Amino acid sequence: MTAVNEQGERILTTGEWIGFFSMAIGVFMAVLDIQIVASSLQEIQAGLSATQDEIAWVQTSYLIAEVIIIPLSGWLGRVFSTRYLFVLSVGGFTLASLACAFAWNLPAMIVFRCIQGFFGGAMIPMTFTIIFILFPPRLQPTMSIVLGLIVTMAPTIGPVLGGYLTDAFSWQLLFLINVIPGFIVCFLVFTFLDIDKPDWGLLKKIDFIGIALITICLGCLQYVLEEGARDQWLEDDLILTLTVIATISGIAMFWWELTHSHPIIDLYAFKNRNFAIGCAFSFILGIGLYTIIYLTPIYLSSIKGLNSLQIGYYLMVVGLFQLVSAFIAGPLEKTLDLRLMLCLGMCMFGLGSWLNGELTAESGYWEFFLPQAIRGGALMLCFLPINTLTLGLLPIEEVKNASGLYNLMRNLGGAMGLAVANTLMLTLNKTHYGALRESISATDEIGQHITQIEIARLTALAWREAEVMTFNNLFQIIAFIFLSALLLAPFLKKVEKSDAILGE
């Protein structure tokens, strides 16, 4: 018989707690592996005898596979059950990690990274779903904080940990560190977490056309977003072709999934206003989170000349203040309307990004400290309310599917943000450099009395200042996006604890 407390809430067993935190470790591994190779690409490139352009596929292949599996995870969870699918995902991810460590050339590495991303991507939405199925509403905010910390801190830790392991040992260890924890997580989840049963009957109604359209659309879209800036977007024949394919397959996918009797993903979840607006916020959070994590190390490396470990000291500020804010966000959630809490978080993130947009080439640790501290404190104020506002009003049976779509939007936001940032970096750099160059021309009195060496130094200085101005512009654009998102907040319905209990 299930034990209940004085409030009538089911009391979780020790095994269920162990199972949940084991899943959280699995999610940490999956998110960490997106960025852990970022600071070690040169070493991996040398080890696999790849070119500069080719080695980018070590990251791109993982992201493409991950973004394809995320929306399918809800249907897969209903077929295999949360327990079996998570164990399968962690096991596949672990074996793929082992294979990556022993990859003999670049094509082999790309295949293994695709498999790794495919299995890793399924873990993230499943664990978010567990919060709303396993825990009573009273504990859901706390568990959301735990997962929010994991999802946002892992990308921050990844490049630093990766740089350290590569410098101290070898790049193969980036993948080998997953093996022992992976098998432990497999054992613990299989042993202790059994919350639902497989529905094998769904295998008779497999939506093969839906799966194919989703795979083609998201795979092509992710490739275009990852490689477009490098290949001059639609000027490249391959990018143009894949853009057309992504567009056509995307339109076909929406039509098919909305009209098919047994769709692989239920797009009707977007009829719920909170879910639709929450996905928009998730998309914006993805833009801010992944783009700033990408821009900051580039700035510190190219402008300041810092190495991986030094960059890590800068990035740690975000993680530390995020951890501190977790102890504030929990109590605040009990007293403040979640919509106001979300607005506060978005405002703080926007403010931190704007302050980051006032950098100079001489800006050091303390000039970065305050903006990063504000952004780190904002993250939990964003993640905690948006999870509940987005999923809290959905029926329990729809949460698995909806969680996959919700997490997909965050990843797509990150991919879109990185693509636009890369394009703007190229455009703004040239624009700012051109403006600086015009300020001193060969016809000026100063220009007529400087040597070639001085011209070279002046050119390098102009390019550096152009880069600084570009990064400032990008941080300011992110701030504008976050502050503009506040216009969506009034359209969110208030989520009461009673609503979350009933899933109405």
Protein backbone atom coordinates (compact mmCIF):
# COMPACT_ATOMS: atom_id res chain seq x y z
CA MET A 1 0.00 0.00 0.00
CA THR A 2 1.27 3.48 -0.89
CA ALA A 3 2.24 5.60 2.14
CA VAL A 4 0.83 9.14 2.41
CA ASN A 5 1.64 12.08 4.70
CA GLU A 6 -0.74 14.27 6.73
CA GLN A 7 -1.49 16.40 3.65
CA GLY A 8 -2.61 13.32 1.71
CA GLU A 9 0.49 13.39 -0.54
CA ARG A 10 2.17 10.15 -1.52
CA ILE A 11 5.49 9.68 0.27
CA LEU A 12 8.33 8.81 -2.09
CA THR A 13 10.33 5.72 -1.25
CA THR A 14 14.09 5.80 -0.76
CA GLY A 15 14.46 3.90 -4.02
CA GLU A 16 12.48 6.54 -5.93
CA TRP A 17 14.73 9.30 -4.57
CA ILE A 18 17.79 7.29 -5.62
CA GLY A 19 16.27 6.71 -9.05
CA PHE A 20 15.49 10.39 -9.60
CA PHE A 21 18.94 11.64 -8.61
CA SER A 22 20.47 8.93 -10.77
CA MET A 23 18.48 10.32 -13.70
CA ALA A 24 19.74 13.80 -12.78
CA ILE A 25 23.33 12.53 -13.05
CA GLY A 26 22.51 11.08 -16.46
CA VAL A 27 21.16 14.47 -17.61
CA PHE A 28 24.29 16.18 -16.32
CA MET A 29 26.43 13.81 -18.40
CA ALA A 30 24.32 14.43 -21.52
CA VAL A 31 24.36 18.23 -21.23
CA LEU A 32 28.03 18.30 -20.25
CA ASP A 33 29.03 16.41 -23.38
CA ILE A 34 27.60 19.13 -25.64
CA GLN A 35 30.31 21.57 -24.57
CA ILE A 36 33.08 19.48 -23.00
CA VAL A 37 34.90 19.16 -26.33
CA ALA A 38 34.71 22.93 -27.05
CA SER A 39 38.09 23.82 -25.53
CA SER A 40 39.84 20.71 -26.84
CA LEU A 41 38.94 20.70 -30.53
CA GLN A 42 42.53 21.45 -31.61
CA GLU A 43 43.86 18.40 -29.74
CA ILE A 44 41.08 16.19 -31.12
CA GLN A 45 41.76 17.60 -34.59
CA ALA A 46 45.41 16.64 -34.32
CA GLY A 47 44.58 13.19 -32.99
CA LEU A 48 42.16 12.46 -35.83
CA SER A 49 44.17 14.21 -38.58
CA ALA A 50 41.23 16.46 -39.46
CA THR A 51 41.09 19.97 -40.89
CA GLN A 52 39.82 23.06 -39.05
CA ASP A 53 36.45 22.97 -40.82
CA GLU A 54 36.02 19.21 -40.49
CA ILE A 55 36.61 19.08 -36.73
CA ALA A 56 33.58 21.30 -36.08
CA TRP A 57 31.51 18.21 -36.89
CA VAL A 58 32.52 16.73 -33.53
CA GLN A 59 30.06 19.20 -32.00
CA THR A 60 27.65 19.58 -34.90
CA SER A 61 26.95 15.84 -35.23
CA TYR A 62 26.06 15.57 -31.52
CA LEU A 63 23.67 18.53 -31.70
CA ILE A 64 21.92 17.34 -34.87
CA ALA A 65 21.21 13.91 -33.37
CA GLU A 66 20.12 15.41 -30.06
CA VAL A 67 17.67 17.87 -31.57
CA ILE A 68 16.07 15.07 -33.64
CA ILE A 69 15.44 12.72 -30.70
CA ILE A 70 14.12 15.27 -28.19
CA PRO A 71 10.61 15.70 -29.71
CA LEU A 72 10.33 11.91 -30.18
CA SER A 73 11.17 11.16 -26.54
CA GLY A 74 7.56 11.56 -25.34
CA TRP A 75 6.25 8.87 -27.69
CA LEU A 76 9.22 6.60 -26.98
CA GLY A 77 8.62 7.02 -23.23
CA ARG A 78 5.02 5.84 -23.63
CA VAL A 79 6.11 2.82 -25.68
CA PHE A 80 9.03 1.60 -23.58
CA SER A 81 8.16 3.26 -20.22
CA THR A 82 10.36 5.82 -18.52
CA ARG A 83 12.43 3.15 -16.79
CA TYR A 84 13.36 1.09 -19.83
CA LEU A 85 13.87 4.05 -22.16
CA PHE A 86 16.12 5.89 -19.70
CA VAL A 87 18.23 2.79 -19.04
CA LEU A 88 18.50 2.19 -22.80
CA SER A 89 19.45 5.83 -23.34
CA VAL A 90 22.13 5.90 -20.63
CA GLY A 91 23.51 2.55 -21.75
CA GLY A 92 23.69 3.64 -25.39
CA PHE A 93 25.20 6.99 -24.41
CA THR A 94 27.85 5.27 -22.28
CA LEU A 95 28.85 2.76 -24.97
CA ALA A 96 28.98 5.56 -27.56
CA SER A 97 31.23 7.57 -25.21
CA LEU A 98 33.57 4.60 -24.97
CA ALA A 99 33.58 4.29 -28.76
CA CYS A 100 34.37 8.03 -29.13
CA ALA A 101 37.48 7.59 -26.98
CA PHE A 102 38.77 4.93 -29.38
CA ALA A 103 37.66 6.58 -32.64
CA TRP A 104 40.33 5.91 -35.28
CA ASN A 105 39.42 8.72 -37.71
CA LEU A 106 37.01 11.62 -38.13
CA PRO A 107 34.17 9.71 -39.87
CA ALA A 108 34.17 7.16 -37.02
CA MET A 109 34.11 9.98 -34.43
CA ILE A 110 31.19 11.66 -36.21
CA VAL A 111 29.17 8.42 -36.24
CA PHE A 112 29.87 7.76 -32.55
CA ARG A 113 29.04 11.38 -31.61
CA CYS A 114 25.73 11.07 -33.50
CA ILE A 115 24.89 7.95 -31.49
CA GLN A 116 25.98 9.70 -28.30
CA GLY A 117 23.78 12.72 -29.03
CA PHE A 118 20.85 10.53 -30.04
CA PHE A 119 20.81 8.66 -26.73
CA GLY A 120 21.81 11.69 -24.65
CA GLY A 121 19.03 13.87 -26.03
CA ALA A 122 16.31 11.46 -24.90
CA MET A 123 17.36 11.74 -21.24
CA ILE A 124 16.73 15.47 -20.78
CA PRO A 125 12.94 15.72 -21.39
CA MET A 126 12.31 12.43 -19.59
CA THR A 127 13.80 13.77 -16.38
CA PHE A 128 11.75 16.97 -16.57
CA THR A 129 8.67 14.80 -17.05
CA ILE A 130 9.47 12.77 -13.93
CA ILE A 131 9.15 15.91 -11.78
CA PHE A 132 5.47 16.30 -12.66
CA ILE A 133 4.66 12.57 -12.45
CA LEU A 134 6.64 11.42 -9.42
CA PHE A 135 6.64 14.40 -7.06
CA PRO A 136 3.72 16.17 -5.32
CA PRO A 137 3.26 19.87 -6.27
CA ARG A 138 4.92 20.93 -3.01
CA LEU A 139 8.24 19.38 -4.11
CA GLN A 140 8.05 20.17 -7.83
CA PRO A 141 9.67 23.65 -7.51
CA THR A 142 12.60 22.23 -5.53
CA MET A 143 13.18 19.47 -8.04
CA SER A 144 12.90 21.97 -10.88
CA ILE A 145 15.66 23.97 -9.18
CA VAL A 146 17.85 20.86 -9.07
CA LEU A 147 17.38 20.14 -12.76
CA GLY A 148 17.67 23.81 -13.67
CA LEU A 149 21.04 23.95 -11.94
CA ILE A 150 22.18 20.89 -13.84
CA VAL A 151 20.98 22.05 -17.26
CA THR A 152 22.53 25.52 -16.92
CA MET A 153 25.73 24.71 -15.01
CA ALA A 154 26.85 21.78 -17.15
CA PRO A 155 27.54 23.94 -20.26
CA THR A 156 29.52 26.35 -18.06
CA ILE A 157 31.61 23.59 -16.50
CA GLY A 158 32.09 21.67 -19.78
CA PRO A 159 34.77 23.76 -21.57
CA VAL A 160 36.75 24.27 -18.35
CA LEU A 161 36.69 20.59 -17.37
CA GLY A 162 37.46 19.59 -20.95
CA GLY A 163 40.45 21.94 -21.14
CA TYR A 164 41.83 20.67 -17.84
CA LEU A 165 41.46 16.97 -18.68
CA THR A 166 43.05 17.46 -22.09
CA ASP A 167 45.99 19.46 -20.71
CA ALA A 168 46.60 17.12 -17.79
CA PHE A 169 45.91 13.80 -19.52
CA SER A 170 44.53 13.42 -23.07
CA TRP A 171 41.40 14.24 -25.08
CA GLN A 172 40.26 10.60 -24.89
CA LEU A 173 39.48 11.13 -21.20
CA LEU A 174 36.74 13.60 -22.17
CA PHE A 175 34.70 10.57 -23.19
CA LEU A 176 36.06 7.91 -20.84
CA ILE A 177 34.85 9.83 -17.75
CA ASN A 178 31.28 8.91 -18.76
CA VAL A 179 31.80 5.15 -18.64
CA ILE A 180 31.75 4.27 -14.92
CA PRO A 181 29.04 6.83 -13.92
CA GLY A 182 27.00 5.73 -16.94
CA PHE A 183 26.83 2.08 -15.92
CA ILE A 184 26.12 3.03 -12.28
CA VAL A 185 23.19 5.21 -13.42
CA CYS A 186 21.89 2.34 -15.58
CA PHE A 187 21.89 -0.02 -12.60
CA LEU A 188 20.30 2.43 -10.15
CA VAL A 189 17.51 3.60 -12.46
CA PHE A 190 16.64 0.05 -13.51
CA THR A 191 16.64 -1.13 -9.89
CA PHE A 192 14.80 1.68 -8.16
CA LEU A 193 12.59 3.61 -10.61
CA ASP A 194 9.50 1.85 -11.91
CA ILE A 195 6.73 4.45 -12.24
CA ASP A 196 4.93 3.45 -15.44
CA LYS A 197 4.49 0.47 -17.74
CA PRO A 198 5.36 0.02 -21.41
CA ASP A 199 2.57 0.39 -23.95
CA TRP A 200 3.75 -2.04 -26.61
CA GLY A 201 0.52 -1.57 -28.53
CA LEU A 202 1.80 1.78 -29.79
CA LEU A 203 4.39 -0.10 -31.86
CA LYS A 204 1.56 -1.27 -34.10
CA LYS A 205 0.71 2.37 -34.88
CA ILE A 206 4.19 3.72 -35.57
CA ASP A 207 4.05 7.00 -37.45
CA PHE A 208 6.93 6.27 -39.83
CA ILE A 209 6.13 9.24 -42.06
CA GLY A 210 6.06 11.59 -39.08
CA ILE A 211 9.41 10.26 -37.82
CA ALA A 212 10.95 10.68 -41.28
CA LEU A 213 9.65 14.24 -41.70
CA ILE A 214 10.81 15.28 -38.22
CA THR A 215 14.25 13.76 -38.80
CA ILE A 216 14.69 15.44 -42.19
CA CYS A 217 13.36 18.82 -41.05
CA LEU A 218 15.27 19.11 -37.76
CA GLY A 219 18.44 17.50 -39.12
CA CYS A 220 18.63 19.88 -42.08
CA LEU A 221 17.66 22.87 -39.96
CA GLN A 222 20.32 22.15 -37.35
CA TYR A 223 22.98 21.74 -40.05
CA VAL A 224 21.98 25.02 -41.70
CA LEU A 225 22.11 26.87 -38.37
CA GLU A 226 25.45 25.35 -37.41
CA GLU A 227 27.24 25.74 -40.75
CA GLY A 228 25.40 28.63 -42.42
CA ALA A 229 27.57 31.49 -41.15
CA ARG A 230 30.78 29.69 -42.11
CA ASP A 231 29.50 28.98 -45.64
CA GLN A 232 27.95 32.41 -46.36
CA TRP A 233 24.41 31.10 -45.91
CA LEU A 234 22.34 30.92 -49.10
CA GLU A 235 25.35 31.72 -51.26
CA ASP A 236 26.43 28.11 -50.67
CA ASP A 237 24.57 25.53 -52.79
CA LEU A 238 24.42 22.91 -50.02
CA ILE A 239 23.07 25.37 -47.45
CA LEU A 240 20.48 26.62 -49.96
CA THR A 241 19.40 23.07 -50.81
CA LEU A 242 19.09 22.02 -47.15
CA THR A 243 17.16 25.20 -46.33
CA VAL A 244 14.62 24.35 -49.02
CA ILE A 245 14.40 20.74 -47.80
CA ALA A 246 13.98 21.85 -44.17
CA THR A 247 11.22 24.27 -45.13
CA ILE A 248 9.26 21.81 -47.26
CA SER A 249 9.63 18.91 -44.82
CA GLY A 250 8.72 21.24 -41.93
CA ILE A 251 5.47 22.31 -43.59
CA ALA A 252 4.69 18.69 -44.47
CA MET A 253 5.49 17.58 -40.92
CA PHE A 254 3.08 20.10 -39.37
CA TRP A 255 0.31 19.11 -41.78
CA TRP A 256 0.87 15.38 -41.24
CA GLU A 257 1.14 15.50 -37.45
CA LEU A 258 -2.00 17.66 -37.17
CA THR A 259 -4.09 15.38 -39.38
CA HIS A 260 -2.72 11.88 -38.62
CA SER A 261 -4.76 9.77 -36.19
CA HIS A 262 -1.71 8.57 -34.24
CA PRO A 263 0.96 11.31 -34.54
CA ILE A 264 4.48 10.74 -33.24
CA ILE A 265 4.29 14.17 -31.55
CA ASP A 266 1.07 15.84 -30.45
CA LEU A 267 1.24 19.43 -31.71
CA TYR A 268 -2.17 20.13 -30.21
CA ALA A 269 -0.38 20.81 -26.93
CA PHE A 270 0.24 24.27 -28.38
CA LYS A 271 -3.49 24.94 -28.04
CA ASN A 272 -2.76 25.40 -24.33
CA ARG A 273 -1.87 29.08 -24.08
CA ASN A 274 0.58 28.68 -21.21
CA PHE A 275 2.39 25.91 -23.03
CA ALA A 276 2.70 27.92 -26.25
CA ILE A 277 3.96 31.05 -24.46
CA GLY A 278 6.19 28.96 -22.20
CA CYS A 279 7.84 27.42 -25.28
CA ALA A 280 8.49 30.94 -26.57
CA PHE A 281 10.19 31.79 -23.27
CA SER A 282 12.15 28.52 -23.47
CA PHE A 283 13.32 29.52 -26.96
CA ILE A 284 14.48 32.92 -25.66
CA LEU A 285 16.23 31.33 -22.67
CA GLY A 286 18.06 29.06 -25.10
CA ILE A 287 19.22 32.09 -27.08
CA GLY A 288 20.60 33.80 -23.98
CA LEU A 289 22.07 30.77 -22.26
CA TYR A 290 23.90 29.13 -25.15
CA THR A 291 24.90 32.30 -27.01
CA ILE A 292 26.52 33.99 -24.02
CA ILE A 293 28.30 30.77 -23.01
CA TYR A 294 29.64 30.74 -26.59
CA LEU A 295 30.54 34.45 -26.84
CA THR A 296 32.26 34.96 -23.49
CA PRO A 297 35.09 32.39 -23.97
CA ILE A 298 35.71 33.71 -27.50
CA TYR A 299 36.03 37.27 -26.17
CA LEU A 300 38.32 36.24 -23.32
CA SER A 301 40.48 34.18 -25.66
CA SER A 302 40.76 36.53 -28.63
CA ILE A 303 40.75 39.91 -26.86
CA LYS A 304 42.32 39.04 -23.51
CA GLY A 305 44.46 36.10 -24.66
CA LEU A 306 43.39 33.85 -21.76
CA ASN A 307 43.74 30.06 -21.70
CA SER A 308 41.04 27.51 -20.85
CA LEU A 309 41.71 27.47 -17.11
CA GLN A 310 41.75 31.27 -16.85
CA ILE A 311 38.50 31.47 -18.82
CA GLY A 312 37.07 28.97 -16.35
CA TYR A 313 37.69 31.35 -13.46
CA TYR A 314 35.60 33.97 -15.24
CA LEU A 315 32.77 31.57 -16.10
CA MET A 316 32.62 30.15 -12.58
CA VAL A 317 30.98 33.36 -11.39
CA VAL A 318 27.76 32.51 -13.25
CA GLY A 319 27.65 29.01 -11.75
CA LEU A 320 28.34 30.19 -8.20
CA PHE A 321 25.65 32.86 -8.23
CA GLN A 322 23.26 30.46 -9.88
CA LEU A 323 23.85 28.05 -7.01
CA VAL A 324 23.27 30.80 -4.45
CA SER A 325 20.10 31.95 -6.20
CA ALA A 326 18.66 28.43 -5.94
CA PHE A 327 18.27 28.96 -2.19
CA ILE A 328 16.43 32.23 -2.86
CA ALA A 329 14.26 31.06 -5.75
CA GLY A 330 12.64 28.20 -3.77
CA PRO A 331 11.20 30.32 -0.92
CA LEU A 332 10.39 33.14 -3.35
CA GLU A 333 8.27 30.78 -5.45
CA LYS A 334 5.99 30.16 -2.45
CA THR A 335 5.22 33.83 -1.90
CA LEU A 336 5.42 35.44 -5.35
CA ASP A 337 3.24 34.99 -8.41
CA LEU A 338 5.26 32.83 -10.81
CA ARG A 339 4.62 35.30 -13.62
CA LEU A 340 6.18 38.14 -11.62
CA MET A 341 9.07 35.88 -10.65
CA LEU A 342 9.69 35.08 -14.31
CA CYS A 343 9.62 38.79 -15.23
CA LEU A 344 12.13 39.52 -12.47
CA GLY A 345 14.44 36.81 -13.80
CA MET A 346 14.16 38.00 -17.40
CA CYS A 347 14.83 41.60 -16.33
CA MET A 348 17.92 40.56 -14.38
CA PHE A 349 19.26 38.49 -17.27
CA GLY A 350 18.66 41.41 -19.62
CA LEU A 351 20.39 43.82 -17.21
CA GLY A 352 23.41 41.51 -16.86
CA SER A 353 23.68 41.21 -20.63
CA TRP A 354 23.43 44.98 -21.09
CA LEU A 355 26.18 45.60 -18.51
CA ASN A 356 28.31 43.07 -20.39
CA GLY A 357 27.85 45.29 -23.43
CA GLU A 358 29.99 48.07 -21.94
CA LEU A 359 33.35 46.31 -22.23
CA THR A 360 36.68 47.70 -23.35
CA ALA A 361 39.86 45.87 -24.36
CA GLU A 362 41.20 46.61 -20.87
CA SER A 363 38.18 45.11 -19.05
CA GLY A 364 39.33 42.48 -16.59
CA TYR A 365 37.89 40.03 -14.07
CA TRP A 366 35.96 42.55 -12.01
CA GLU A 367 34.38 44.21 -15.05
CA PHE A 368 32.97 40.77 -15.91
CA PHE A 369 32.06 39.90 -12.33
CA LEU A 370 28.94 42.03 -11.81
CA PRO A 371 27.22 41.24 -15.16
CA GLN A 372 27.88 37.53 -14.72
CA ALA A 373 26.75 37.60 -11.09
CA ILE A 374 23.45 39.23 -12.11
CA ARG A 375 22.91 36.74 -14.96
CA GLY A 376 23.78 33.79 -12.72
CA GLY A 377 21.31 34.98 -10.10
CA ALA A 378 18.66 35.39 -12.80
CA LEU A 379 18.82 31.88 -14.22
CA MET A 380 16.94 30.09 -11.44
CA LEU A 381 14.39 32.91 -11.30
CA CYS A 382 13.73 32.12 -14.98
CA PHE A 383 13.89 28.31 -15.02
CA LEU A 384 11.86 27.59 -11.91
CA PRO A 385 8.69 29.53 -12.84
CA ILE A 386 8.78 28.80 -16.57
CA ASN A 387 8.86 25.02 -16.02
CA THR A 388 5.73 25.18 -13.85
CA LEU A 389 3.95 27.80 -15.95
CA THR A 390 4.56 25.80 -19.14
CA LEU A 391 3.78 22.26 -18.00
CA GLY A 392 1.75 22.78 -14.83
CA LEU A 393 -1.65 23.20 -16.52
CA LEU A 394 -1.35 20.18 -18.82
CA PRO A 395 -3.00 16.82 -18.09
CA ILE A 396 -0.49 14.33 -16.71
CA GLU A 397 -0.86 12.07 -19.77
CA GLU A 398 0.29 14.94 -22.04
CA VAL A 399 3.34 15.95 -20.02
CA LYS A 400 5.73 13.43 -21.61
CA ASN A 401 5.06 14.65 -25.13
CA ALA A 402 4.95 18.32 -24.09
CA SER A 403 8.23 18.11 -22.18
CA GLY A 404 10.01 16.97 -25.34
CA LEU A 405 8.64 19.91 -27.33
CA TYR A 406 9.45 22.32 -24.49
CA ASN A 407 13.09 21.18 -24.30
CA LEU A 408 13.35 21.18 -28.09
CA MET A 409 12.47 24.88 -28.15
CA ARG A 410 15.35 25.69 -25.80
CA ASN A 411 17.81 23.81 -28.00
CA LEU A 412 16.48 25.43 -31.16
CA GLY A 413 16.75 28.81 -29.48
CA GLY A 414 20.38 28.08 -28.71
CA ALA A 415 21.07 26.93 -32.28
CA MET A 416 19.33 29.99 -33.73
CA GLY A 417 21.15 32.30 -31.35
CA LEU A 418 24.55 30.87 -32.24
CA ALA A 419 23.82 31.05 -35.96
CA VAL A 420 22.72 34.70 -35.81
CA ALA A 421 25.61 35.59 -33.48
CA ASN A 422 28.18 34.07 -35.86
CA THR A 423 26.69 35.94 -38.80
CA LEU A 424 26.55 39.24 -36.93
CA MET A 425 30.12 38.79 -35.72
CA LEU A 426 31.35 38.70 -39.30
CA THR A 427 29.15 41.59 -40.45
CA LEU A 428 29.62 43.89 -37.45
CA ASN A 429 33.39 43.32 -37.33
CA LYS A 430 33.74 44.54 -40.90
CA THR A 431 31.38 47.46 -40.32
CA HIS A 432 33.12 48.68 -37.18
CA TYR A 433 36.57 48.20 -38.70
CA GLY A 434 35.54 50.16 -41.78
CA ALA A 435 34.30 53.03 -39.61
CA LEU A 436 37.55 53.07 -37.58
CA ARG A 437 39.67 52.87 -40.70
CA GLU A 438 37.97 55.89 -42.22
CA SER A 439 38.93 57.98 -39.19
CA ILE A 440 42.59 57.84 -40.27
CA SER A 441 43.22 57.82 -44.00
CA ALA A 442 46.36 58.26 -46.04
CA THR A 443 45.35 61.82 -46.89
CA ASP A 444 45.24 62.90 -43.24
CA GLU A 445 48.20 64.71 -41.77
CA ILE A 446 48.68 61.89 -39.28
CA GLY A 447 48.43 59.26 -42.00
CA GLN A 448 51.21 60.91 -44.02
CA HIS A 449 53.78 60.69 -41.22
CA ILE A 450 53.47 57.12 -39.97
CA THR A 451 55.62 54.17 -41.01
CA GLN A 452 54.50 50.82 -42.38
CA ILE A 453 55.17 49.20 -39.00
CA GLU A 454 52.98 51.78 -37.31
CA ILE A 455 50.28 51.22 -39.94
CA ALA A 456 50.35 47.48 -39.17
CA ARG A 457 50.05 48.17 -35.44
CA LEU A 458 47.25 50.65 -36.05
CA THR A 459 45.44 48.10 -38.23
CA ALA A 460 45.72 45.42 -35.53
CA LEU A 461 44.47 47.90 -32.94
CA ALA A 462 41.51 48.85 -35.16
CA TRP A 463 40.56 45.18 -35.64
CA ARG A 464 40.76 44.60 -31.89
CA GLU A 465 38.55 47.60 -31.12
CA ALA A 466 36.14 46.51 -33.85
CA GLU A 467 35.87 43.11 -32.16
CA VAL A 468 35.20 44.71 -28.78
CA MET A 469 32.46 46.87 -30.29
CA THR A 470 30.97 43.80 -31.99
CA PHE A 471 30.81 41.80 -28.77
CA ASN A 472 29.24 44.78 -26.99
CA ASN A 473 26.58 44.98 -29.70
CA LEU A 474 25.82 41.26 -29.40
CA PHE A 475 25.43 41.44 -25.62
CA GLN A 476 23.13 44.45 -26.04
CA ILE A 477 21.01 42.60 -28.62
CA ILE A 478 20.55 39.70 -26.17
CA ALA A 479 19.52 42.21 -23.49
CA PHE A 480 16.95 43.70 -25.86
CA ILE A 481 15.52 40.25 -26.67
CA PHE A 482 15.08 39.37 -22.99
CA LEU A 483 13.49 42.69 -22.09
CA SER A 484 11.18 42.49 -25.12
CA ALA A 485 10.04 39.03 -23.96
CA LEU A 486 8.32 40.71 -21.01
CA LEU A 487 5.55 41.68 -23.44
CA LEU A 488 4.49 38.01 -23.48
CA ALA A 489 4.16 37.67 -19.70
CA PRO A 490 0.67 39.27 -19.34
CA PHE A 491 -0.77 36.53 -21.57
CA LEU A 492 0.28 33.74 -19.18
CA LYS A 493 -2.39 32.25 -16.93
CA LYS A 494 -1.64 32.05 -13.23
CA VAL A 495 -0.78 28.50 -12.11
CA GLU A 496 -2.11 27.58 -8.67
CA LYS A 497 -0.93 24.53 -6.76
CA SER A 498 -4.38 23.01 -7.12
CA ASP A 499 -4.10 23.34 -10.91
CA ALA A 500 -0.73 21.60 -10.91
CA ILE A 501 -2.14 18.76 -8.82
CA LEU A 502 -5.01 18.08 -11.14
CA GLY A 503 -3.17 18.96 -14.34
CA GLU A 504 -6.12 20.97 -15.55
